[in-house]
Amino acid sequence: MCSGDLGRNAAQLDVKTLYIEPGSPWENGYCESFNSKLRDELLAREIFYTMKEAKTLIEWWREHFNTFRPHSSLGYSPPAPKAILPRPFMPPYVQGVAA
């Protein structure tokens, strides 16, 4: 969807839009911070030869960013740490079998 379509749809719904100057982190700090980290930590360091490769590496980076990478705004803990999964259920009649 291009900006013209978006503007027409917003006008039909009587929705007002706010203009955020590109590159102005004081107006949209969360997105600007994320975009900066994505650009510096992944996009500037990789050359993607296929769409599949790009999707795989970006998904890996997203998973790392959200579950392992410490964030200073959260007291240097990740936003969504991996949960500790319980051991698989072993029926009581199965003895001596490693899970």
N, C-alpha and C. Protein backbone atom coordinates (compact mmCIF):
# COMPACT_ATOMS: atom_id res chain seq x y z
N MET A 1 0.85 -1.17 0.00
CA MET A 1 0.00 0.00 0.00
C MET A 1 0.90 1.24 0.00
N CYS A 2 0.67 2.14 -0.89
CA CYS A 2 1.51 3.34 -0.94
C CYS A 2 0.90 4.45 -0.10
N SER A 3 1.65 5.50 0.09
CA SER A 3 1.22 6.58 0.98
C SER A 3 -0.05 7.27 0.48
N GLY A 4 -0.22 7.34 -0.84
CA GLY A 4 -1.44 7.96 -1.37
C GLY A 4 -2.68 7.18 -0.99
N ASP A 5 -2.60 5.85 -1.12
CA ASP A 5 -3.73 5.00 -0.72
C ASP A 5 -4.01 5.13 0.77
N LEU A 6 -2.93 5.14 1.55
CA LEU A 6 -3.08 5.26 2.99
C LEU A 6 -3.75 6.58 3.35
N GLY A 7 -3.34 7.66 2.71
CA GLY A 7 -3.93 8.97 2.97
C GLY A 7 -5.41 9.01 2.61
N ARG A 8 -5.78 8.41 1.47
CA ARG A 8 -7.20 8.37 1.08
C ARG A 8 -8.02 7.54 2.07
N ASN A 9 -7.49 6.41 2.47
CA ASN A 9 -8.21 5.57 3.44
C ASN A 9 -8.38 6.30 4.77
N ALA A 10 -7.35 7.00 5.21
CA ALA A 10 -7.45 7.75 6.45
C ALA A 10 -8.49 8.85 6.34
N ALA A 11 -8.54 9.53 5.21
CA ALA A 11 -9.52 10.60 5.00
C ALA A 11 -10.94 10.03 5.01
N GLN A 12 -11.14 8.88 4.38
CA GLN A 12 -12.47 8.26 4.36
C GLN A 12 -12.93 7.88 5.76
N LEU A 13 -11.99 7.49 6.61
CA LEU A 13 -12.32 7.09 7.98
C LEU A 13 -12.27 8.26 8.96
N ASP A 14 -12.01 9.46 8.44
CA ASP A 14 -11.89 10.66 9.25
C ASP A 14 -10.81 10.50 10.32
N VAL A 15 -9.67 9.96 9.91
CA VAL A 15 -8.53 9.75 10.80
C VAL A 15 -7.47 10.79 10.47
N LYS A 16 -6.97 11.45 11.49
CA LYS A 16 -5.90 12.42 11.30
C LYS A 16 -4.56 11.72 11.54
N THR A 17 -3.56 12.03 10.74
CA THR A 17 -2.24 11.43 10.91
C THR A 17 -1.29 12.46 11.48
N LEU A 18 -0.31 11.98 12.20
CA LEU A 18 0.74 12.85 12.73
C LEU A 18 2.00 12.62 11.90
N TYR A 19 2.66 13.69 11.55
CA TYR A 19 3.89 13.58 10.79
C TYR A 19 5.06 13.45 11.74
N ILE A 20 5.85 12.40 11.57
CA ILE A 20 7.06 12.22 12.35
C ILE A 20 8.23 12.38 11.39
N GLU A 21 9.04 13.37 11.67
CA GLU A 21 10.20 13.65 10.84
C GLU A 21 11.15 12.45 10.83
N PRO A 22 11.55 11.97 9.64
CA PRO A 22 12.49 10.85 9.60
C PRO A 22 13.80 11.19 10.30
N GLY A 23 14.29 10.24 11.07
CA GLY A 23 15.55 10.44 11.77
C GLY A 23 15.47 11.33 12.98
N SER A 24 14.27 11.50 13.54
CA SER A 24 14.13 12.33 14.73
C SER A 24 13.73 11.45 15.92
N PRO A 25 14.70 10.91 16.62
CA PRO A 25 14.40 9.97 17.70
C PRO A 25 13.60 10.57 18.84
N TRP A 26 13.61 11.89 19.00
CA TRP A 26 12.83 12.50 20.08
C TRP A 26 11.34 12.42 19.78
N GLU A 27 10.94 12.15 18.53
CA GLU A 27 9.53 12.02 18.20
C GLU A 27 9.06 10.56 18.23
N ASN A 28 9.95 9.64 17.96
CA ASN A 28 9.57 8.23 17.89
C ASN A 28 10.75 7.39 18.35
N GLY A 29 11.10 7.51 19.61
CA GLY A 29 12.32 6.92 20.13
C GLY A 29 12.39 5.42 20.05
N TYR A 30 11.28 4.72 20.29
CA TYR A 30 11.31 3.26 20.29
C TYR A 30 11.65 2.72 18.90
N CYS A 31 10.96 3.22 17.89
CA CYS A 31 11.21 2.74 16.52
C CYS A 31 12.59 3.14 16.04
N GLU A 32 12.99 4.36 16.33
CA GLU A 32 14.30 4.82 15.88
C GLU A 32 15.41 4.01 16.53
N SER A 33 15.26 3.69 17.81
CA SER A 33 16.26 2.90 18.51
C SER A 33 16.34 1.50 17.92
N PHE A 34 15.18 0.87 17.71
CA PHE A 34 15.16 -0.48 17.13
C PHE A 34 15.75 -0.47 15.72
N ASN A 35 15.32 0.48 14.89
CA ASN A 35 15.82 0.55 13.52
C ASN A 35 17.33 0.75 13.48
N SER A 36 17.84 1.58 14.39
CA SER A 36 19.27 1.82 14.45
C SER A 36 20.03 0.55 14.80
N LYS A 37 19.52 -0.19 15.78
CA LYS A 37 20.18 -1.44 16.19
C LYS A 37 20.10 -2.49 15.08
N LEU A 38 18.95 -2.61 14.43
CA LEU A 38 18.80 -3.55 13.31
C LEU A 38 19.78 -3.21 12.20
N ARG A 39 19.88 -1.94 11.88
CA ARG A 39 20.78 -1.50 10.81
C ARG A 39 22.24 -1.74 11.19
N ASP A 40 22.63 -1.33 12.40
CA ASP A 40 24.03 -1.44 12.81
C ASP A 40 24.47 -2.87 13.09
N GLU A 41 23.61 -3.66 13.72
CA GLU A 41 24.00 -4.99 14.16
C GLU A 41 23.76 -6.08 13.12
N LEU A 42 22.92 -5.83 12.14
CA LEU A 42 22.63 -6.89 11.16
C LEU A 42 22.79 -6.42 9.72
N LEU A 43 22.01 -5.43 9.33
CA LEU A 43 21.95 -5.07 7.91
C LEU A 43 23.28 -4.54 7.36
N ALA A 44 24.02 -3.80 8.18
CA ALA A 44 25.29 -3.25 7.71
C ALA A 44 26.40 -4.30 7.66
N ARG A 45 26.17 -5.46 8.28
CA ARG A 45 27.21 -6.49 8.36
C ARG A 45 26.97 -7.69 7.46
N GLU A 46 25.82 -7.76 6.83
CA GLU A 46 25.46 -8.94 6.05
C GLU A 46 25.20 -8.56 4.60
N ILE A 47 25.46 -9.50 3.72
CA ILE A 47 25.04 -9.41 2.33
C ILE A 47 24.09 -10.57 2.11
N PHE A 48 22.87 -10.28 1.73
CA PHE A 48 21.87 -11.31 1.52
C PHE A 48 21.84 -11.68 0.04
N TYR A 49 22.06 -12.94 -0.26
CA TYR A 49 22.06 -13.38 -1.65
C TYR A 49 20.70 -13.89 -2.10
N THR A 50 19.89 -14.34 -1.16
CA THR A 50 18.54 -14.81 -1.50
C THR A 50 17.56 -14.27 -0.47
N MET A 51 16.28 -14.27 -0.83
CA MET A 51 15.25 -13.84 0.10
C MET A 51 15.16 -14.80 1.29
N LYS A 52 15.35 -16.08 1.02
CA LYS A 52 15.30 -17.08 2.09
C LYS A 52 16.41 -16.83 3.11
N GLU A 53 17.60 -16.52 2.62
CA GLU A 53 18.72 -16.22 3.50
C GLU A 53 18.42 -14.98 4.34
N ALA A 54 17.87 -13.95 3.72
CA ALA A 54 17.54 -12.72 4.45
C ALA A 54 16.50 -13.01 5.53
N LYS A 55 15.45 -13.74 5.19
CA LYS A 55 14.41 -14.06 6.17
C LYS A 55 14.97 -14.87 7.32
N THR A 56 15.83 -15.83 7.02
CA THR A 56 16.42 -16.68 8.06
C THR A 56 17.29 -15.87 9.00
N LEU A 57 18.18 -15.06 8.46
CA LEU A 57 19.09 -14.28 9.30
C LEU A 57 18.35 -13.20 10.10
N ILE A 58 17.36 -12.57 9.49
CA ILE A 58 16.60 -11.55 10.21
C ILE A 58 15.78 -12.18 11.33
N GLU A 59 15.21 -13.35 11.09
CA GLU A 59 14.47 -14.05 12.14
C GLU A 59 15.41 -14.46 13.27
N TRP A 60 16.61 -14.94 12.92
CA TRP A 60 17.59 -15.29 13.95
C TRP A 60 17.93 -14.06 14.78
N TRP A 61 18.16 -12.92 14.13
CA TRP A 61 18.51 -11.70 14.84
C TRP A 61 17.36 -11.24 15.73
N ARG A 62 16.12 -11.32 15.23
CA ARG A 62 14.95 -10.92 16.01
C ARG A 62 14.83 -11.78 17.27
N GLU A 63 15.02 -13.08 17.10
CA GLU A 63 14.96 -14.00 18.24
C GLU A 63 16.05 -13.65 19.26
N HIS A 64 17.25 -13.40 18.78
CA HIS A 64 18.36 -13.02 19.67
C HIS A 64 18.07 -11.69 20.36
N PHE A 65 17.57 -10.72 19.62
CA PHE A 65 17.28 -9.38 20.15
C PHE A 65 16.24 -9.46 21.26
N ASN A 66 15.21 -10.30 21.08
CA ASN A 66 14.11 -10.35 22.04
C ASN A 66 14.34 -11.29 23.21
N THR A 67 15.19 -12.31 23.06
CA THR A 67 15.28 -13.31 24.12
C THR A 67 16.64 -13.39 24.80
N PHE A 68 17.71 -12.95 24.17
CA PHE A 68 19.04 -13.08 24.77
C PHE A 68 19.73 -11.75 25.02
N ARG A 69 19.60 -10.82 24.10
CA ARG A 69 20.35 -9.57 24.16
C ARG A 69 19.87 -8.71 25.31
N PRO A 70 20.78 -8.27 26.20
CA PRO A 70 20.36 -7.41 27.31
C PRO A 70 19.99 -6.01 26.83
N HIS A 71 18.98 -5.43 27.44
CA HIS A 71 18.51 -4.09 27.10
C HIS A 71 18.72 -3.18 28.30
N SER A 72 19.41 -2.09 28.12
CA SER A 72 19.72 -1.20 29.24
C SER A 72 18.46 -0.63 29.87
N SER A 73 17.43 -0.38 29.07
CA SER A 73 16.20 0.19 29.62
C SER A 73 15.45 -0.80 30.50
N LEU A 74 15.81 -2.07 30.44
CA LEU A 74 15.15 -3.11 31.25
C LEU A 74 16.09 -3.65 32.33
N GLY A 75 17.06 -2.86 32.73
CA GLY A 75 18.00 -3.31 33.74
C GLY A 75 18.92 -4.40 33.21
N TYR A 76 19.26 -4.32 31.95
CA TYR A 76 20.16 -5.26 31.27
C TYR A 76 19.63 -6.69 31.29
N SER A 77 18.31 -6.83 31.13
CA SER A 77 17.73 -8.15 30.93
C SER A 77 17.01 -8.14 29.59
N PRO A 78 16.82 -9.29 28.97
CA PRO A 78 16.13 -9.33 27.68
C PRO A 78 14.63 -9.07 27.85
N PRO A 79 13.95 -8.52 26.82
CA PRO A 79 12.53 -8.21 26.95
C PRO A 79 11.66 -9.45 27.10
N ALA A 80 12.01 -10.54 26.46
CA ALA A 80 11.19 -11.76 26.52
C ALA A 80 12.10 -12.96 26.68
N PRO A 81 12.63 -13.17 27.89
CA PRO A 81 13.58 -14.28 28.06
C PRO A 81 12.93 -15.63 27.78
N LYS A 82 13.75 -16.55 27.35
CA LYS A 82 13.26 -17.90 27.10
C LYS A 82 12.71 -18.48 28.40
N ALA A 83 11.58 -19.13 28.30
CA ALA A 83 11.00 -19.78 29.47
C ALA A 83 11.71 -21.12 29.69
N ILE A 84 11.78 -21.51 30.92
CA ILE A 84 12.34 -22.83 31.23
C ILE A 84 11.22 -23.83 31.06
N LEU A 85 11.40 -24.73 30.13
CA LEU A 85 10.36 -25.71 29.86
C LEU A 85 10.46 -26.86 30.85
N PRO A 86 9.31 -27.35 31.32
CA PRO A 86 9.34 -28.48 32.24
C PRO A 86 9.81 -29.74 31.53
N ARG A 87 10.27 -30.69 32.30
CA ARG A 87 10.66 -31.97 31.72
C ARG A 87 9.46 -32.62 31.09
N PRO A 88 9.66 -33.39 30.05
CA PRO A 88 8.53 -34.07 29.43
C PRO A 88 7.89 -35.04 30.42
N PHE A 89 6.59 -35.19 30.30
CA PHE A 89 5.86 -36.09 31.19
C PHE A 89 6.30 -37.52 30.97
N MET A 90 6.63 -38.18 32.03
CA MET A 90 7.00 -39.60 31.98
C MET A 90 6.00 -40.37 32.84
N PRO A 91 5.22 -41.25 32.24
CA PRO A 91 4.26 -42.02 33.03
C PRO A 91 4.99 -42.82 34.12
N PRO A 92 4.33 -43.06 35.24
CA PRO A 92 5.00 -43.73 36.35
C PRO A 92 5.44 -45.15 36.03
N TYR A 93 4.85 -45.78 35.04
CA TYR A 93 5.22 -47.15 34.71
C TYR A 93 6.49 -47.22 33.86
N VAL A 94 7.00 -46.05 33.40
CA VAL A 94 8.23 -46.05 32.63
C VAL A 94 9.37 -45.73 33.60
N GLN A 95 10.10 -46.73 33.99
CA GLN A 95 11.18 -46.56 34.95
C GLN A 95 12.52 -46.72 34.26
N GLY A 96 13.46 -45.90 34.61
CA GLY A 96 14.81 -46.03 34.09
C GLY A 96 15.00 -45.59 32.65
N VAL A 97 14.01 -44.92 32.06
CA VAL A 97 14.13 -44.43 30.69
C VAL A 97 14.50 -42.96 30.77
N ALA A 98 15.59 -42.58 30.14
CA ALA A 98 16.00 -41.17 30.16
C ALA A 98 15.07 -40.35 29.29
N ALA A 99 14.73 -39.17 29.75
CA ALA A 99 13.83 -38.30 29.01
C ALA A 99 14.55 -37.65 27.87
